[in-house]
Amino acid sequence: MPGRTDSSAATDSPDARPPGSDIRTARPAPPAGTAPSASTARLPVERGRRGPARLLPARSPYRSQLRRIGAGRVLEIGCGTGDTLADCAPGSVGVDHDPRSVAHCRERGLTAYTADTFLASPHARPGAFDALLTARVLEHLDDEQVEDLLRAYVPYVRHGGGVLLITAQEAGHRAGPAPVRFTDFPLLRAFAESAGLTVRRTYSHPLPRPAGMLLRANAFVLLAQVPR
């Protein structure tokens, strides 16, 4: 897996394959019954909203992205306190490394687990979900952790289901907390292909790519599909 990739050439159009991405060797998936190390290592703890924002209804910044992966059940990895999970279809499930975030999700009536408790839950069945989502998580993991995470959770998505990977652009990356490395279009594509996914589209959201230099909310988005 290539290391840090600071691609200044990425645009809203499909990206080019990163140099060297075709020479990576595959590693075996984590043993059954164990949580992937990526799900519990070096992910940021989501902080509660402060000031006037606490009085406003929480809304996911990824509502339009969720529509792109259909209306079915979503497995969200790195669900935080559940703002995006709350916009997912009934039956969707969140996984987060932080027990406090999981407890907050459950207080909201959402279904959420830590990585280990998810594996012991009735929801951990191959093909049980229609889509997988992970947003603002992969940049906080090293290459091996990302590959382990995707290989561990993609099997829970049905054949033909969608996968949505979202990472921060420059302004969001600088805002932290402490990303491991900049994860842009080429690196997202490399991760998706390493996990055996078919990449359907990459694009910048909510504004075109140049806005990522100044707008923290701007993100790289990769839409992929689990092969049928």
C-alpha atoms as a PDB file:
ATOM      1  CA  MET A   1       0.000   0.000   0.000  1.00  0.00           C
ATOM      2  CA  PRO A   2       1.432   3.405  -0.874  1.00  0.00           C
ATOM      3  CA  GLY A   3       2.060   5.760   2.003  1.00  0.00           C
ATOM      4  CA  ARG A   4       0.961   9.380   2.241  1.00  0.00           C
ATOM      5  CA  THR A   5      -0.475  10.662  -1.031  1.00  0.00           C
ATOM      6  CA  ASP A   6      -0.785  14.421  -1.484  1.00  0.00           C
ATOM      7  CA  SER A   7      -2.359  14.510  -4.914  1.00  0.00           C
ATOM      8  CA  SER A   8      -2.802  18.030  -6.223  1.00  0.00           C
ATOM      9  CA  ALA A   9      -4.216  16.735  -9.504  1.00  0.00           C
ATOM     10  CA  ALA A  10      -7.384  15.148  -8.111  1.00  0.00           C
ATOM     11  CA  THR A  11     -10.619  16.631  -9.453  1.00  0.00           C
ATOM     12  CA  ASP A  12     -14.313  15.867  -9.523  1.00  0.00           C
ATOM     13  CA  SER A  13     -13.679  13.537 -12.454  1.00  0.00           C
ATOM     14  CA  PRO A  14     -12.606   9.891 -11.950  1.00  0.00           C
ATOM     15  CA  ASP A  15      -9.082   9.810 -10.539  1.00  0.00           C
ATOM     16  CA  ALA A  16      -6.012   8.137 -11.896  1.00  0.00           C
ATOM     17  CA  ARG A  17      -4.629   5.005 -10.286  1.00  0.00           C
ATOM     18  CA  PRO A  18      -1.917   5.912  -7.740  1.00  0.00           C
ATOM     19  CA  PRO A  19       1.619   4.975  -8.760  1.00  0.00           C
ATOM     20  CA  GLY A  20       2.590   1.546  -7.514  1.00  0.00           C
ATOM     21  CA  SER A  21      -0.910   0.553  -6.450  1.00  0.00           C
ATOM     22  CA  ASP A  22      -0.817  -2.555  -8.613  1.00  0.00           C
ATOM     23  CA  ILE A  23       2.109  -4.116  -6.781  1.00  0.00           C
ATOM     24  CA  ARG A  24       0.637  -4.340  -3.293  1.00  0.00           C
ATOM     25  CA  THR A  25       0.345  -7.823  -1.890  1.00  0.00           C
ATOM     26  CA  ALA A  26      -2.865  -8.891  -0.220  1.00  0.00           C
ATOM     27  CA  ARG A  27      -2.905  -9.763   3.465  1.00  0.00           C
ATOM     28  CA  PRO A  28      -5.337 -12.224   5.011  1.00  0.00           C
ATOM     29  CA  ALA A  29      -8.434 -10.883   6.746  1.00  0.00           C
ATOM     30  CA  PRO A  30      -8.494 -10.856  10.569  1.00  0.00           C
ATOM     31  CA  PRO A  31      -9.475 -14.194  12.112  1.00  0.00           C
ATOM     32  CA  ALA A  32     -13.207 -14.721  12.552  1.00  0.00           C
ATOM     33  CA  GLY A  33     -14.482 -13.602  15.919  1.00  0.00           C
ATOM     34  CA  THR A  34     -11.923 -10.836  16.428  1.00  0.00           C
ATOM     35  CA  ALA A  35     -12.424  -7.106  15.972  1.00  0.00           C
ATOM     36  CA  PRO A  36     -10.164  -5.489  13.361  1.00  0.00           C
ATOM     37  CA  SER A  37      -7.454  -3.432  15.012  1.00  0.00           C
ATOM     38  CA  ALA A  38      -8.386  -0.523  12.782  1.00  0.00           C
ATOM     39  CA  SER A  39     -11.750  -0.206  14.476  1.00  0.00           C
ATOM     40  CA  THR A  40     -10.251   0.595  17.861  1.00  0.00           C
ATOM     41  CA  ALA A  41      -6.906   2.259  17.149  1.00  0.00           C
ATOM     42  CA  ARG A  42      -6.160   5.954  16.745  1.00  0.00           C
ATOM     43  CA  LEU A  43      -9.656   7.073  15.789  1.00  0.00           C
ATOM     44  CA  PRO A  44     -10.665  10.484  17.189  1.00  0.00           C
ATOM     45  CA  VAL A  45     -13.256  10.599  19.955  1.00  0.00           C
ATOM     46  CA  GLU A  46     -16.185  12.663  18.720  1.00  0.00           C
ATOM     47  CA  ARG A  47     -16.803  15.676  20.956  1.00  0.00           C
ATOM     48  CA  GLY A  48     -20.261  16.866  21.889  1.00  0.00           C
ATOM     49  CA  ARG A  49     -21.581  20.004  20.236  1.00  0.00           C
ATOM     50  CA  ARG A  50     -21.049  23.166  22.217  1.00  0.00           C
ATOM     51  CA  GLY A  51     -22.598  26.620  22.496  1.00  0.00           C
ATOM     52  CA  PRO A  52     -25.736  27.496  20.476  1.00  0.00           C
ATOM     53  CA  ALA A  53     -25.216  24.435  18.242  1.00  0.00           C
ATOM     54  CA  ARG A  54     -26.413  22.235  21.117  1.00  0.00           C
ATOM     55  CA  LEU A  55     -29.891  23.769  20.792  1.00  0.00           C
ATOM     56  CA  LEU A  56     -30.274  22.943  17.093  1.00  0.00           C
ATOM     57  CA  PRO A  57     -31.437  19.598  15.676  1.00  0.00           C
ATOM     58  CA  ALA A  58     -28.461  17.433  14.720  1.00  0.00           C
ATOM     59  CA  ARG A  59     -28.293  16.797  10.975  1.00  0.00           C
ATOM     60  CA  SER A  60     -25.880  14.683   9.028  1.00  0.00           C
ATOM     61  CA  PRO A  61     -23.705  16.517   6.499  1.00  0.00           C
ATOM     62  CA  TYR A  62     -23.895  13.376   4.339  1.00  0.00           C
ATOM     63  CA  ARG A  63     -27.640  13.107   3.728  1.00  0.00           C
ATOM     64  CA  SER A  64     -27.298  13.505  -0.032  1.00  0.00           C
ATOM     65  CA  GLN A  65     -24.452  10.988  -0.090  1.00  0.00           C
ATOM     66  CA  LEU A  66     -26.587   8.400   1.666  1.00  0.00           C
ATOM     67  CA  ARG A  67     -29.129   8.652  -1.142  1.00  0.00           C
ATOM     68  CA  ARG A  68     -26.437   7.554  -3.571  1.00  0.00           C
ATOM     69  CA  ILE A  69     -26.086   4.171  -1.856  1.00  0.00           C
ATOM     70  CA  GLY A  70     -29.826   3.518  -1.789  1.00  0.00           C
ATOM     71  CA  ALA A  71     -32.524   3.286   0.823  1.00  0.00           C
ATOM     72  CA  GLY A  72     -31.500   0.023   2.474  1.00  0.00           C
ATOM     73  CA  ARG A  73     -29.849  -0.851   5.767  1.00  0.00           C
ATOM     74  CA  VAL A  74     -26.479   0.817   6.327  1.00  0.00           C
ATOM     75  CA  LEU A  75     -23.552  -0.359   8.431  1.00  0.00           C
ATOM     76  CA  GLU A  76     -21.716   2.799   9.516  1.00  0.00           C
ATOM     77  CA  ILE A  77     -18.172   2.377  10.804  1.00  0.00           C
ATOM     78  CA  GLY A  78     -17.127   5.284  13.020  1.00  0.00           C
ATOM     79  CA  CYS A  79     -20.689   6.384  13.749  1.00  0.00           C
ATOM     80  CA  GLY A  80     -19.766   8.819  16.536  1.00  0.00           C
ATOM     81  CA  THR A  81     -22.817  10.109  18.363  1.00  0.00           C
ATOM     82  CA  GLY A  82     -25.154   9.096  15.557  1.00  0.00           C
ATOM     83  CA  ASP A  83     -25.970  12.207  13.507  1.00  0.00           C
ATOM     84  CA  THR A  84     -25.469  10.347  10.218  1.00  0.00           C
ATOM     85  CA  LEU A  85     -26.800   7.044  11.542  1.00  0.00           C
ATOM     86  CA  ALA A  86     -30.049   8.791  12.467  1.00  0.00           C
ATOM     87  CA  ASP A  87     -30.557   9.631   8.762  1.00  0.00           C
ATOM     88  CA  CYS A  88     -30.055   6.031   7.654  1.00  0.00           C
ATOM     89  CA  ALA A  89     -32.868   3.589   6.929  1.00  0.00           C
ATOM     90  CA  PRO A  90     -34.518   1.632   9.768  1.00  0.00           C
ATOM     91  CA  GLY A  91     -32.430  -1.388  10.685  1.00  0.00           C
ATOM     92  CA  SER A  92     -29.136   0.429  10.128  1.00  0.00           C
ATOM     93  CA  VAL A  93     -26.335  -0.164  12.630  1.00  0.00           C
ATOM     94  CA  GLY A  94     -23.365   1.905  13.796  1.00  0.00           C
ATOM     95  CA  VAL A  95     -19.986   0.757  15.073  1.00  0.00           C
ATOM     96  CA  ASP A  96     -17.636   3.032  17.006  1.00  0.00           C
ATOM     97  CA  HIS A  97     -14.468   2.532  19.075  1.00  0.00           C
ATOM     98  CA  ASP A  98     -15.684   4.895  21.815  1.00  0.00           C
ATOM     99  CA  PRO A  99     -18.180   3.382  24.305  1.00  0.00           C
ATOM    100  CA  ARG A 100     -19.423   6.870  25.212  1.00  0.00           C
ATOM    101  CA  SER A 101     -20.419   7.538  21.615  1.00  0.00           C
ATOM    102  CA  VAL A 102     -22.141   4.165  21.420  1.00  0.00           C
ATOM    103  CA  ALA A 103     -24.052   4.917  24.627  1.00  0.00           C
ATOM    104  CA  HIS A 104     -25.132   8.295  23.215  1.00  0.00           C
ATOM    105  CA  CYS A 105     -26.402   6.608  20.034  1.00  0.00           C
ATOM    106  CA  ARG A 106     -28.443   4.181  22.094  1.00  0.00           C
ATOM    107  CA  GLU A 107     -29.911   7.027  24.151  1.00  0.00           C
ATOM    108  CA  ARG A 108     -31.163   8.421  20.839  1.00  0.00           C
ATOM    109  CA  GLY A 109     -32.861   5.131  20.044  1.00  0.00           C
ATOM    110  CA  LEU A 110     -30.230   4.065  17.496  1.00  0.00           C
ATOM    111  CA  THR A 111     -28.568   0.666  17.219  1.00  0.00           C
ATOM    112  CA  ALA A 112     -24.833   0.934  17.836  1.00  0.00           C
ATOM    113  CA  TYR A 113     -21.995  -1.219  19.122  1.00  0.00           C
ATOM    114  CA  THR A 114     -18.315  -1.133  19.862  1.00  0.00           C
ATOM    115  CA  ALA A 115     -16.316  -3.338  17.481  1.00  0.00           C
ATOM    116  CA  ASP A 116     -16.184  -6.331  19.823  1.00  0.00           C
ATOM    117  CA  THR A 117     -19.840  -6.178  20.825  1.00  0.00           C
ATOM    118  CA  PHE A 118     -20.887  -5.873  17.184  1.00  0.00           C
ATOM    119  CA  LEU A 119     -19.197  -9.178  16.413  1.00  0.00           C
ATOM    120  CA  ALA A 120     -21.205 -10.820  19.192  1.00  0.00           C
ATOM    121  CA  SER A 121     -24.481  -9.228  18.051  1.00  0.00           C
ATOM    122  CA  PRO A 122     -27.221 -10.771  15.881  1.00  0.00           C
ATOM    123  CA  HIS A 123     -26.481  -8.105  13.256  1.00  0.00           C
ATOM    124  CA  ALA A 124     -23.040  -9.527  12.450  1.00  0.00           C
ATOM    125  CA  ARG A 125     -24.207 -11.772   9.610  1.00  0.00           C
ATOM    126  CA  PRO A 126     -22.642 -11.940   6.141  1.00  0.00           C
ATOM    127  CA  GLY A 127     -24.627  -9.902   3.639  1.00  0.00           C
ATOM    128  CA  ALA A 128     -26.928  -8.479   6.326  1.00  0.00           C
ATOM    129  CA  PHE A 129     -26.609  -4.860   5.139  1.00  0.00           C
ATOM    130  CA  ASP A 130     -27.289  -3.056   1.887  1.00  0.00           C
ATOM    131  CA  ALA A 131     -24.421  -0.598   2.211  1.00  0.00           C
ATOM    132  CA  LEU A 132     -21.298   0.328   4.179  1.00  0.00           C
ATOM    133  CA  LEU A 133     -20.406   3.907   5.141  1.00  0.00           C
ATOM    134  CA  THR A 134     -17.322   5.293   6.808  1.00  0.00           C
ATOM    135  CA  ALA A 135     -16.844   9.072   6.985  1.00  0.00           C
ATOM    136  CA  ARG A 136     -13.843  11.018   8.320  1.00  0.00           C
ATOM    137  CA  VAL A 137     -12.275   7.839   9.709  1.00  0.00           C
ATOM    138  CA  LEU A 138      -9.783   6.368   7.247  1.00  0.00           C
ATOM    139  CA  GLU A 139      -7.384   9.325   7.441  1.00  0.00           C
ATOM    140  CA  HIS A 140      -6.866   8.497  11.132  1.00  0.00           C
ATOM    141  CA  LEU A 141      -5.611   4.982  10.394  1.00  0.00           C
ATOM    142  CA  ASP A 142      -2.436   3.644   8.837  1.00  0.00           C
ATOM    143  CA  ASP A 143      -2.548   1.656   5.616  1.00  0.00           C
ATOM    144  CA  GLU A 144      -2.682  -1.769   7.227  1.00  0.00           C
ATOM    145  CA  GLN A 145      -5.459  -0.704   9.606  1.00  0.00           C
ATOM    146  CA  VAL A 146      -7.570   0.641   6.728  1.00  0.00           C
ATOM    147  CA  GLU A 147      -7.163  -2.579   4.756  1.00  0.00           C
ATOM    148  CA  ASP A 148      -8.027  -4.656   7.836  1.00  0.00           C
ATOM    149  CA  LEU A 149     -11.097  -2.532   8.524  1.00  0.00           C
ATOM    150  CA  LEU A 150     -12.489  -2.840   5.006  1.00  0.00           C
ATOM    151  CA  ARG A 151     -11.769  -6.557   4.769  1.00  0.00           C
ATOM    152  CA  ALA A 152     -13.440  -7.106   8.129  1.00  0.00           C
ATOM    153  CA  TYR A 153     -16.656  -5.162   7.453  1.00  0.00           C
ATOM    154  CA  VAL A 154     -17.269  -5.399   3.688  1.00  0.00           C
ATOM    155  CA  PRO A 155     -18.434  -9.053   4.025  1.00  0.00           C
ATOM    156  CA  TYR A 156     -21.419  -7.807   6.041  1.00  0.00           C
ATOM    157  CA  VAL A 157     -22.687  -6.019   2.902  1.00  0.00           C
ATOM    158  CA  ARG A 158     -24.725  -7.997   0.367  1.00  0.00           C
ATOM    159  CA  HIS A 159     -23.423  -8.671  -3.119  1.00  0.00           C
ATOM    160  CA  GLY A 160     -24.162  -5.644  -5.270  1.00  0.00           C
ATOM    161  CA  GLY A 161     -24.417  -3.394  -2.209  1.00  0.00           C
ATOM    162  CA  GLY A 162     -22.857   0.072  -2.012  1.00  0.00           C
ATOM    163  CA  VAL A 163     -19.781   1.301  -0.150  1.00  0.00           C
ATOM    164  CA  LEU A 164     -19.250   4.993   0.619  1.00  0.00           C
ATOM    165  CA  LEU A 165     -15.825   6.187   1.766  1.00  0.00           C
ATOM    166  CA  ILE A 166     -15.460   9.841   2.823  1.00  0.00           C
ATOM    167  CA  THR A 167     -12.294  11.655   3.954  1.00  0.00           C
ATOM    168  CA  ALA A 168     -11.360  15.248   4.679  1.00  0.00           C
ATOM    169  CA  GLN A 169      -9.745  17.587   2.166  1.00  0.00           C
ATOM    170  CA  GLU A 170      -6.979  20.048   3.080  1.00  0.00           C
ATOM    171  CA  ALA A 171      -8.832  22.422   5.431  1.00  0.00           C
ATOM    172  CA  GLY A 172     -10.540  19.595   7.276  1.00  0.00           C
ATOM    173  CA  HIS A 173      -7.301  17.648   7.406  1.00  0.00           C
ATOM    174  CA  ARG A 174      -5.487  20.558   9.043  1.00  0.00           C
ATOM    175  CA  ALA A 175      -8.300  20.950  11.564  1.00  0.00           C
ATOM    176  CA  GLY A 176      -7.492  17.496  12.970  1.00  0.00           C
ATOM    177  CA  PRO A 177      -7.564  15.747  15.300  1.00  0.00           C
ATOM    178  CA  ALA A 178      -4.117  14.415  14.314  1.00  0.00           C
ATOM    179  CA  PRO A 179      -4.755  12.562  11.046  1.00  0.00           C
ATOM    180  CA  VAL A 180      -2.223   9.870  10.161  1.00  0.00           C
ATOM    181  CA  ARG A 181      -1.931  11.005   6.530  1.00  0.00           C
ATOM    182  CA  PHE A 182      -3.767  12.863   3.793  1.00  0.00           C
ATOM    183  CA  THR A 183      -6.216  10.428   2.158  1.00  0.00           C
ATOM    184  CA  ASP A 184      -7.207  11.742  -1.263  1.00  0.00           C
ATOM    185  CA  PHE A 185      -8.859  10.243  -4.347  1.00  0.00           C
ATOM    186  CA  PRO A 186      -5.961   8.026  -5.490  1.00  0.00           C
ATOM    187  CA  LEU A 187      -5.421   6.574  -2.037  1.00  0.00           C
ATOM    188  CA  LEU A 188      -9.145   5.982  -1.501  1.00  0.00           C
ATOM    189  CA  ARG A 189      -9.259   4.159  -4.827  1.00  0.00           C
ATOM    190  CA  ALA A 190      -6.257   2.045  -3.835  1.00  0.00           C
ATOM    191  CA  PHE A 191      -7.939   1.058  -0.568  1.00  0.00           C
ATOM    192  CA  ALA A 192     -11.220   0.210  -2.299  1.00  0.00           C
ATOM    193  CA  GLU A 193      -9.562  -1.912  -4.963  1.00  0.00           C
ATOM    194  CA  SER A 194      -7.452  -3.681  -2.349  1.00  0.00           C
ATOM    195  CA  ALA A 195     -10.704  -4.663  -0.619  1.00  0.00           C
ATOM    196  CA  GLY A 196     -12.035  -6.119  -3.874  1.00  0.00           C
ATOM    197  CA  LEU A 197     -14.573  -3.347  -4.472  1.00  0.00           C
ATOM    198  CA  THR A 198     -15.621  -1.945  -7.834  1.00  0.00           C
ATOM    199  CA  VAL A 199     -15.162   1.833  -7.854  1.00  0.00           C
ATOM    200  CA  ARG A 200     -18.151   3.579  -9.434  1.00  0.00           C
ATOM    201  CA  ARG A 201     -17.389   7.248  -8.890  1.00  0.00           C
ATOM    202  CA  THR A 202     -15.197   9.745  -7.035  1.00  0.00           C
ATOM    203  CA  TYR A 203     -16.209  13.337  -6.441  1.00  0.00           C
ATOM    204  CA  SER A 204     -15.778  16.351  -4.161  1.00  0.00           C
ATOM    205  CA  HIS A 205     -18.599  17.297  -1.774  1.00  0.00           C
ATOM    206  CA  PRO A 206     -20.298  19.687  -1.132  1.00  0.00           C
ATOM    207  CA  LEU A 207     -18.288  22.032  -3.389  1.00  0.00           C
ATOM    208  CA  PRO A 208     -15.799  21.443  -6.211  1.00  0.00           C
ATOM    209  CA  ARG A 209     -12.319  20.297  -5.326  1.00  0.00           C
ATOM    210  CA  PRO A 210     -10.580  23.731  -5.030  1.00  0.00           C
ATOM    211  CA  ALA A 211     -12.876  24.668  -2.116  1.00  0.00           C
ATOM    212  CA  GLY A 212     -11.189  21.989  -0.020  1.00  0.00           C
ATOM    213  CA  MET A 213      -8.251  24.302   0.598  1.00  0.00           C
ATOM    214  CA  LEU A 214     -10.476  26.600   2.702  1.00  0.00           C
ATOM    215  CA  LEU A 215     -13.709  24.771   3.553  1.00  0.00           C
ATOM    216  CA  ARG A 216     -13.422  22.249   6.386  1.00  0.00           C
ATOM    217  CA  ALA A 217     -16.633  20.511   5.373  1.00  0.00           C
ATOM    218  CA  ASN A 218     -15.372  19.723   1.861  1.00  0.00           C
ATOM    219  CA  ALA A 219     -14.607  16.038   1.493  1.00  0.00           C
ATOM    220  CA  PHE A 220     -13.312  13.409  -0.884  1.00  0.00           C
ATOM    221  CA  VAL A 221     -16.085  10.906  -1.639  1.00  0.00           C
ATOM    222  CA  LEU A 222     -15.642   7.475  -3.217  1.00  0.00           C
ATOM    223  CA  LEU A 223     -18.670   5.436  -4.196  1.00  0.00           C
ATOM    224  CA  ALA A 224     -17.996   1.729  -4.767  1.00  0.00           C
ATOM    225  CA  GLN A 225     -19.926  -1.502  -5.096  1.00  0.00           C
ATOM    226  CA  VAL A 226     -19.472  -4.984  -3.674  1.00  0.00           C
ATOM    227  CA  PRO A 227     -19.183  -7.310  -6.704  1.00  0.00           C
ATOM    228  CA  ARG A 228     -22.277  -9.370  -7.443  1.00  0.00           C
END
